[in-house]
Amino acid sequence: MIRFVLTKYNLENFLEKIKTLDLTKRWRINVSEEKAVRSLEQNERLWALYGSVANYIGEDPQTVHELMGYKFLRYQTEIAGNPVELIKSTTKLNTKEMTEYQESIERWASQLGWSFE
């Protein structure tokens, strides 16, 4: 499998790669928009948020990280025919999802009387 991130700057290189394919075979080509993953600034803010909430509720930031993941990033899937519950890693969130995740944490914590300092 060939992975290639296509931009306007490397289109010619991509086309050259396509031309080298053995066309006596059938090929499946998937094209999808690349989503920006969370930024370093978002990650820094997230851990500051965890720390602030942790201080407010008397827990440590890692525990808050796990709790918030369970609360807001949990999803159901099926593995080998069995239902399982998993938690999406924050490292897999794109910038929009990360913003929404942090907003969810802030709304939840504000219900406890917390505010981000």
N, C-alpha and C. Protein backbone atom coordinates (compact mmCIF):
# COMPACT_ATOMS: atom_id res chain seq x y z
N MET A 1 0.85 -1.18 0.00
CA MET A 1 0.00 0.00 0.00
C MET A 1 0.89 1.24 0.00
N ILE A 2 0.53 2.18 -0.79
CA ILE A 2 1.26 3.44 -0.88
C ILE A 2 0.42 4.53 -0.22
N ARG A 3 1.01 5.24 0.71
CA ARG A 3 0.33 6.39 1.31
C ARG A 3 0.98 7.64 0.74
N PHE A 4 0.15 8.59 0.39
CA PHE A 4 0.66 9.79 -0.24
C PHE A 4 -0.21 10.96 0.19
N VAL A 5 0.40 12.00 0.70
CA VAL A 5 -0.33 13.22 1.05
C VAL A 5 -0.20 14.17 -0.13
N LEU A 6 -1.30 14.40 -0.78
CA LEU A 6 -1.32 15.20 -2.01
C LEU A 6 -1.53 16.67 -1.70
N THR A 7 -0.70 17.49 -2.28
CA THR A 7 -0.85 18.95 -2.19
C THR A 7 -0.66 19.52 -3.59
N LYS A 8 -0.92 20.80 -3.73
CA LYS A 8 -0.73 21.43 -5.05
C LYS A 8 0.75 21.44 -5.43
N TYR A 9 1.62 21.28 -4.48
CA TYR A 9 3.06 21.33 -4.75
C TYR A 9 3.63 20.00 -5.22
N ASN A 10 2.94 18.89 -4.95
CA ASN A 10 3.51 17.60 -5.33
C ASN A 10 2.60 16.81 -6.28
N LEU A 11 1.67 17.50 -6.93
CA LEU A 11 0.75 16.84 -7.86
C LEU A 11 1.50 16.09 -8.96
N GLU A 12 2.51 16.71 -9.55
CA GLU A 12 3.27 16.05 -10.63
C GLU A 12 3.92 14.77 -10.15
N ASN A 13 4.49 14.79 -8.95
CA ASN A 13 5.11 13.60 -8.38
C ASN A 13 4.07 12.50 -8.19
N PHE A 14 2.89 12.87 -7.73
CA PHE A 14 1.80 11.91 -7.56
C PHE A 14 1.43 11.27 -8.89
N LEU A 15 1.27 12.09 -9.93
CA LEU A 15 0.91 11.57 -11.24
C LEU A 15 1.98 10.63 -11.78
N GLU A 16 3.24 10.94 -11.51
CA GLU A 16 4.33 10.05 -11.93
C GLU A 16 4.23 8.70 -11.22
N LYS A 17 3.89 8.72 -9.95
CA LYS A 17 3.71 7.46 -9.21
C LYS A 17 2.57 6.63 -9.80
N ILE A 18 1.48 7.29 -10.16
CA ILE A 18 0.35 6.59 -10.77
C ILE A 18 0.77 5.95 -12.09
N LYS A 19 1.55 6.65 -12.88
CA LYS A 19 1.98 6.15 -14.18
C LYS A 19 2.86 4.91 -14.06
N THR A 20 3.50 4.71 -12.90
CA THR A 20 4.38 3.55 -12.73
C THR A 20 3.63 2.29 -12.29
N LEU A 21 2.34 2.40 -12.02
CA LEU A 21 1.57 1.23 -11.61
C LEU A 21 1.48 0.22 -12.75
N ASP A 22 1.51 -1.05 -12.41
CA ASP A 22 1.34 -2.12 -13.38
C ASP A 22 -0.14 -2.19 -13.74
N LEU A 23 -0.51 -1.68 -14.90
CA LEU A 23 -1.91 -1.59 -15.27
C LEU A 23 -2.49 -2.89 -15.81
N THR A 24 -1.69 -3.97 -15.75
CA THR A 24 -2.27 -5.28 -16.04
C THR A 24 -3.01 -5.80 -14.80
N LYS A 25 -2.83 -5.10 -13.68
CA LYS A 25 -3.52 -5.44 -12.44
C LYS A 25 -4.61 -4.40 -12.20
N ARG A 26 -5.55 -4.76 -11.31
CA ARG A 26 -6.58 -3.81 -10.90
C ARG A 26 -6.10 -3.12 -9.63
N TRP A 27 -6.38 -1.83 -9.51
CA TRP A 27 -5.94 -1.05 -8.35
C TRP A 27 -7.13 -0.35 -7.73
N ARG A 28 -7.12 -0.24 -6.43
CA ARG A 28 -8.12 0.54 -5.70
C ARG A 28 -7.42 1.77 -5.16
N ILE A 29 -7.94 2.92 -5.50
CA ILE A 29 -7.35 4.18 -5.04
C ILE A 29 -8.40 4.92 -4.23
N ASN A 30 -8.08 5.22 -3.00
CA ASN A 30 -8.97 5.97 -2.12
C ASN A 30 -8.40 7.37 -1.92
N VAL A 31 -9.24 8.35 -2.08
CA VAL A 31 -8.82 9.73 -1.87
C VAL A 31 -9.74 10.32 -0.81
N SER A 32 -9.16 10.90 0.22
CA SER A 32 -9.96 11.54 1.25
C SER A 32 -9.25 12.79 1.74
N GLU A 33 -10.04 13.72 2.18
CA GLU A 33 -9.47 14.97 2.68
C GLU A 33 -8.74 14.69 3.99
N GLU A 34 -7.55 15.22 4.10
CA GLU A 34 -6.79 15.05 5.33
C GLU A 34 -7.26 16.10 6.33
N LYS A 35 -7.64 15.63 7.50
CA LYS A 35 -8.10 16.54 8.56
C LYS A 35 -6.91 16.90 9.44
N ALA A 36 -6.86 18.15 9.82
CA ALA A 36 -5.79 18.60 10.70
C ALA A 36 -5.96 17.97 12.08
N VAL A 37 -4.91 17.33 12.57
CA VAL A 37 -4.98 16.77 13.91
C VAL A 37 -4.81 17.88 14.92
N ARG A 38 -5.09 17.56 16.16
CA ARG A 38 -5.01 18.59 17.19
C ARG A 38 -3.66 19.29 17.15
N SER A 39 -3.67 20.55 17.50
CA SER A 39 -2.44 21.33 17.47
C SER A 39 -1.70 21.20 18.80
N LEU A 40 -0.43 21.55 18.78
CA LEU A 40 0.35 21.54 20.03
C LEU A 40 -0.25 22.51 21.04
N GLU A 41 -0.74 23.65 20.54
CA GLU A 41 -1.36 24.63 21.44
C GLU A 41 -2.61 24.05 22.09
N GLN A 42 -3.39 23.30 21.32
CA GLN A 42 -4.58 22.67 21.88
C GLN A 42 -4.19 21.64 22.93
N ASN A 43 -3.14 20.89 22.66
CA ASN A 43 -2.70 19.88 23.63
C ASN A 43 -2.22 20.55 24.92
N GLU A 44 -1.47 21.63 24.80
CA GLU A 44 -1.01 22.35 25.99
C GLU A 44 -2.20 22.90 26.78
N ARG A 45 -3.17 23.46 26.06
CA ARG A 45 -4.36 24.00 26.72
C ARG A 45 -5.15 22.88 27.40
N LEU A 46 -5.24 21.72 26.73
CA LEU A 46 -5.97 20.59 27.30
C LEU A 46 -5.39 20.18 28.65
N TRP A 47 -4.05 20.08 28.72
CA TRP A 47 -3.44 19.66 29.99
C TRP A 47 -3.52 20.75 31.04
N ALA A 48 -3.55 22.00 30.63
CA ALA A 48 -3.79 23.09 31.59
C ALA A 48 -5.23 22.99 32.11
N LEU A 49 -6.15 22.67 31.22
CA LEU A 49 -7.55 22.48 31.60
C LEU A 49 -7.69 21.32 32.57
N TYR A 50 -7.07 20.19 32.24
CA TYR A 50 -7.10 19.04 33.15
C TYR A 50 -6.55 19.44 34.53
N GLY A 51 -5.43 20.17 34.53
CA GLY A 51 -4.81 20.58 35.79
C GLY A 51 -5.72 21.48 36.60
N SER A 52 -6.38 22.42 35.94
CA SER A 52 -7.27 23.34 36.63
C SER A 52 -8.47 22.60 37.23
N VAL A 53 -9.08 21.72 36.44
CA VAL A 53 -10.21 20.93 36.94
C VAL A 53 -9.75 20.01 38.06
N ALA A 54 -8.59 19.39 37.89
CA ALA A 54 -8.05 18.50 38.92
C ALA A 54 -7.87 19.23 40.23
N ASN A 55 -7.29 20.42 40.19
CA ASN A 55 -7.11 21.21 41.41
C ASN A 55 -8.45 21.51 42.07
N TYR A 56 -9.44 21.82 41.25
CA TYR A 56 -10.75 22.20 41.78
C TYR A 56 -11.45 21.03 42.46
N ILE A 57 -11.35 19.83 41.86
CA ILE A 57 -12.07 18.68 42.43
C ILE A 57 -11.21 17.80 43.32
N GLY A 58 -9.94 18.17 43.48
CA GLY A 58 -9.07 17.42 44.38
C GLY A 58 -8.55 16.11 43.82
N GLU A 59 -8.32 16.09 42.54
CA GLU A 59 -7.76 14.90 41.87
C GLU A 59 -6.49 15.29 41.14
N ASP A 60 -5.84 14.32 40.54
CA ASP A 60 -4.65 14.63 39.75
C ASP A 60 -5.04 14.73 38.27
N PRO A 61 -4.25 15.46 37.47
CA PRO A 61 -4.60 15.67 36.05
C PRO A 61 -4.78 14.37 35.26
N GLN A 62 -3.99 13.34 35.53
CA GLN A 62 -4.12 12.08 34.80
C GLN A 62 -5.49 11.44 35.06
N THR A 63 -5.95 11.51 36.30
CA THR A 63 -7.27 10.97 36.63
C THR A 63 -8.36 11.75 35.90
N VAL A 64 -8.23 13.07 35.85
CA VAL A 64 -9.19 13.90 35.12
C VAL A 64 -9.16 13.55 33.63
N HIS A 65 -7.97 13.34 33.09
CA HIS A 65 -7.82 12.93 31.69
C HIS A 65 -8.62 11.64 31.43
N GLU A 66 -8.45 10.66 32.28
CA GLU A 66 -9.14 9.38 32.11
C GLU A 66 -10.65 9.55 32.29
N LEU A 67 -11.06 10.31 33.28
CA LEU A 67 -12.47 10.55 33.54
C LEU A 67 -13.15 11.26 32.36
N MET A 68 -12.51 12.29 31.85
CA MET A 68 -13.09 13.06 30.74
C MET A 68 -13.14 12.22 29.46
N GLY A 69 -12.10 11.40 29.25
CA GLY A 69 -12.14 10.50 28.10
C GLY A 69 -13.31 9.54 28.20
N TYR A 70 -13.51 8.98 29.39
CA TYR A 70 -14.62 8.06 29.60
C TYR A 70 -15.96 8.77 29.41
N LYS A 71 -16.04 9.98 29.90
CA LYS A 71 -17.30 10.73 29.85
C LYS A 71 -17.63 11.22 28.43
N PHE A 72 -16.63 11.70 27.69
CA PHE A 72 -16.91 12.37 26.42
C PHE A 72 -16.37 11.68 25.16
N LEU A 73 -15.47 10.73 25.29
CA LEU A 73 -14.88 10.10 24.10
C LEU A 73 -15.21 8.61 23.99
N ARG A 74 -16.15 8.16 24.78
CA ARG A 74 -16.53 6.75 24.81
C ARG A 74 -17.44 6.44 23.63
N TYR A 75 -17.25 5.27 23.04
CA TYR A 75 -18.12 4.83 21.96
C TYR A 75 -18.26 3.32 21.98
N GLN A 76 -19.33 2.84 21.37
CA GLN A 76 -19.62 1.40 21.29
C GLN A 76 -19.20 0.88 19.93
N THR A 77 -18.65 -0.32 19.93
CA THR A 77 -18.33 -0.99 18.68
C THR A 77 -18.49 -2.48 18.90
N GLU A 78 -18.18 -3.25 17.90
CA GLU A 78 -18.29 -4.70 18.00
C GLU A 78 -16.97 -5.31 17.57
N ILE A 79 -16.47 -6.22 18.38
CA ILE A 79 -15.23 -6.93 18.05
C ILE A 79 -15.51 -8.42 18.18
N ALA A 80 -15.25 -9.15 17.11
CA ALA A 80 -15.49 -10.59 17.06
C ALA A 80 -16.92 -10.92 17.46
N GLY A 81 -17.85 -10.07 17.05
CA GLY A 81 -19.26 -10.32 17.33
C GLY A 81 -19.71 -9.93 18.73
N ASN A 82 -18.81 -9.35 19.51
CA ASN A 82 -19.15 -8.96 20.88
C ASN A 82 -19.15 -7.45 21.01
N PRO A 83 -20.17 -6.90 21.68
CA PRO A 83 -20.17 -5.46 21.89
C PRO A 83 -19.09 -5.06 22.90
N VAL A 84 -18.37 -4.01 22.57
CA VAL A 84 -17.35 -3.50 23.49
C VAL A 84 -17.43 -1.98 23.53
N GLU A 85 -16.96 -1.44 24.63
CA GLU A 85 -16.93 0.00 24.81
C GLU A 85 -15.48 0.45 24.77
N LEU A 86 -15.18 1.40 23.93
CA LEU A 86 -13.81 1.91 23.81
C LEU A 86 -13.80 3.41 24.05
N ILE A 87 -12.62 3.95 24.27
CA ILE A 87 -12.45 5.38 24.46
C ILE A 87 -11.49 5.88 23.39
N LYS A 88 -11.95 6.82 22.59
CA LYS A 88 -11.11 7.39 21.54
C LYS A 88 -9.98 8.18 22.19
N SER A 89 -8.78 7.99 21.70
CA SER A 89 -7.63 8.72 22.21
C SER A 89 -7.68 10.18 21.77
N THR A 90 -7.30 11.08 22.66
CA THR A 90 -7.27 12.50 22.27
C THR A 90 -6.25 12.74 21.16
N THR A 91 -5.27 11.85 21.01
CA THR A 91 -4.29 12.02 19.93
C THR A 91 -4.92 11.81 18.57
N LYS A 92 -6.09 11.20 18.52
CA LYS A 92 -6.77 10.94 17.25
C LYS A 92 -7.77 12.04 16.89
N LEU A 93 -7.96 13.02 17.77
CA LEU A 93 -8.91 14.08 17.51
C LEU A 93 -8.34 15.10 16.53
N ASN A 94 -9.18 15.57 15.62
CA ASN A 94 -8.73 16.67 14.77
C ASN A 94 -8.96 17.98 15.52
N THR A 95 -8.60 19.09 14.93
CA THR A 95 -8.66 20.37 15.65
C THR A 95 -10.09 20.71 16.05
N LYS A 96 -11.06 20.45 15.19
CA LYS A 96 -12.46 20.74 15.51
C LYS A 96 -12.94 19.85 16.66
N GLU A 97 -12.65 18.56 16.57
CA GLU A 97 -13.06 17.64 17.63
C GLU A 97 -12.41 18.00 18.96
N MET A 98 -11.15 18.43 18.92
CA MET A 98 -10.45 18.80 20.14
C MET A 98 -11.10 20.03 20.78
N THR A 99 -11.48 20.98 19.96
CA THR A 99 -12.17 22.17 20.48
C THR A 99 -13.49 21.77 21.14
N GLU A 100 -14.25 20.91 20.47
CA GLU A 100 -15.53 20.46 21.02
C GLU A 100 -15.33 19.67 22.32
N TYR A 101 -14.30 18.85 22.37
CA TYR A 101 -13.98 18.07 23.56
C TYR A 101 -13.67 18.99 24.74
N GLN A 102 -12.83 19.99 24.51
CA GLN A 102 -12.49 20.92 25.58
C GLN A 102 -13.71 21.72 26.04
N GLU A 103 -14.56 22.10 25.10
CA GLU A 103 -15.79 22.82 25.47
C GLU A 103 -16.70 21.94 26.31
N SER A 104 -16.76 20.65 26.00
CA SER A 104 -17.57 19.71 26.79
C SER A 104 -17.03 19.61 28.22
N ILE A 105 -15.71 19.55 28.36
CA ILE A 105 -15.10 19.49 29.69
C ILE A 105 -15.44 20.76 30.46
N GLU A 106 -15.30 21.91 29.81
CA GLU A 106 -15.57 23.17 30.48
C GLU A 106 -17.03 23.27 30.92
N ARG A 107 -17.97 22.84 30.07
CA ARG A 107 -19.39 22.86 30.45
C ARG A 107 -19.64 21.96 31.65
N TRP A 108 -19.07 20.76 31.60
CA TRP A 108 -19.25 19.80 32.69
C TRP A 108 -18.69 20.37 34.00
N ALA A 109 -17.47 20.87 33.96
CA ALA A 109 -16.83 21.38 35.17
C ALA A 109 -17.52 22.64 35.70
N SER A 110 -18.05 23.45 34.80
CA SER A 110 -18.72 24.68 35.25
C SER A 110 -19.98 24.35 36.04
N GLN A 111 -20.58 23.19 35.77
CA GLN A 111 -21.75 22.77 36.53
C GLN A 111 -21.38 22.46 37.99
N LEU A 112 -20.10 22.25 38.24
CA LEU A 112 -19.61 22.00 39.60
C LEU A 112 -19.18 23.31 40.27
N GLY A 113 -19.27 24.42 39.55
CA GLY A 113 -18.86 25.70 40.08
C GLY A 113 -17.45 26.12 39.68
N TRP A 114 -16.80 25.31 38.85
CA TRP A 114 -15.43 25.57 38.39
C TRP A 114 -15.43 26.64 37.31
N SER A 115 -14.37 27.43 37.25
CA SER A 115 -14.13 28.30 36.10
C SER A 115 -12.65 28.25 35.78
N PHE A 116 -12.33 28.34 34.49
CA PHE A 116 -10.93 28.23 34.05
C PHE A 116 -10.15 29.47 34.45
N GLU A 117 -9.11 29.26 35.22
CA GLU A 117 -8.30 30.39 35.70
C GLU A 117 -7.03 30.53 34.90
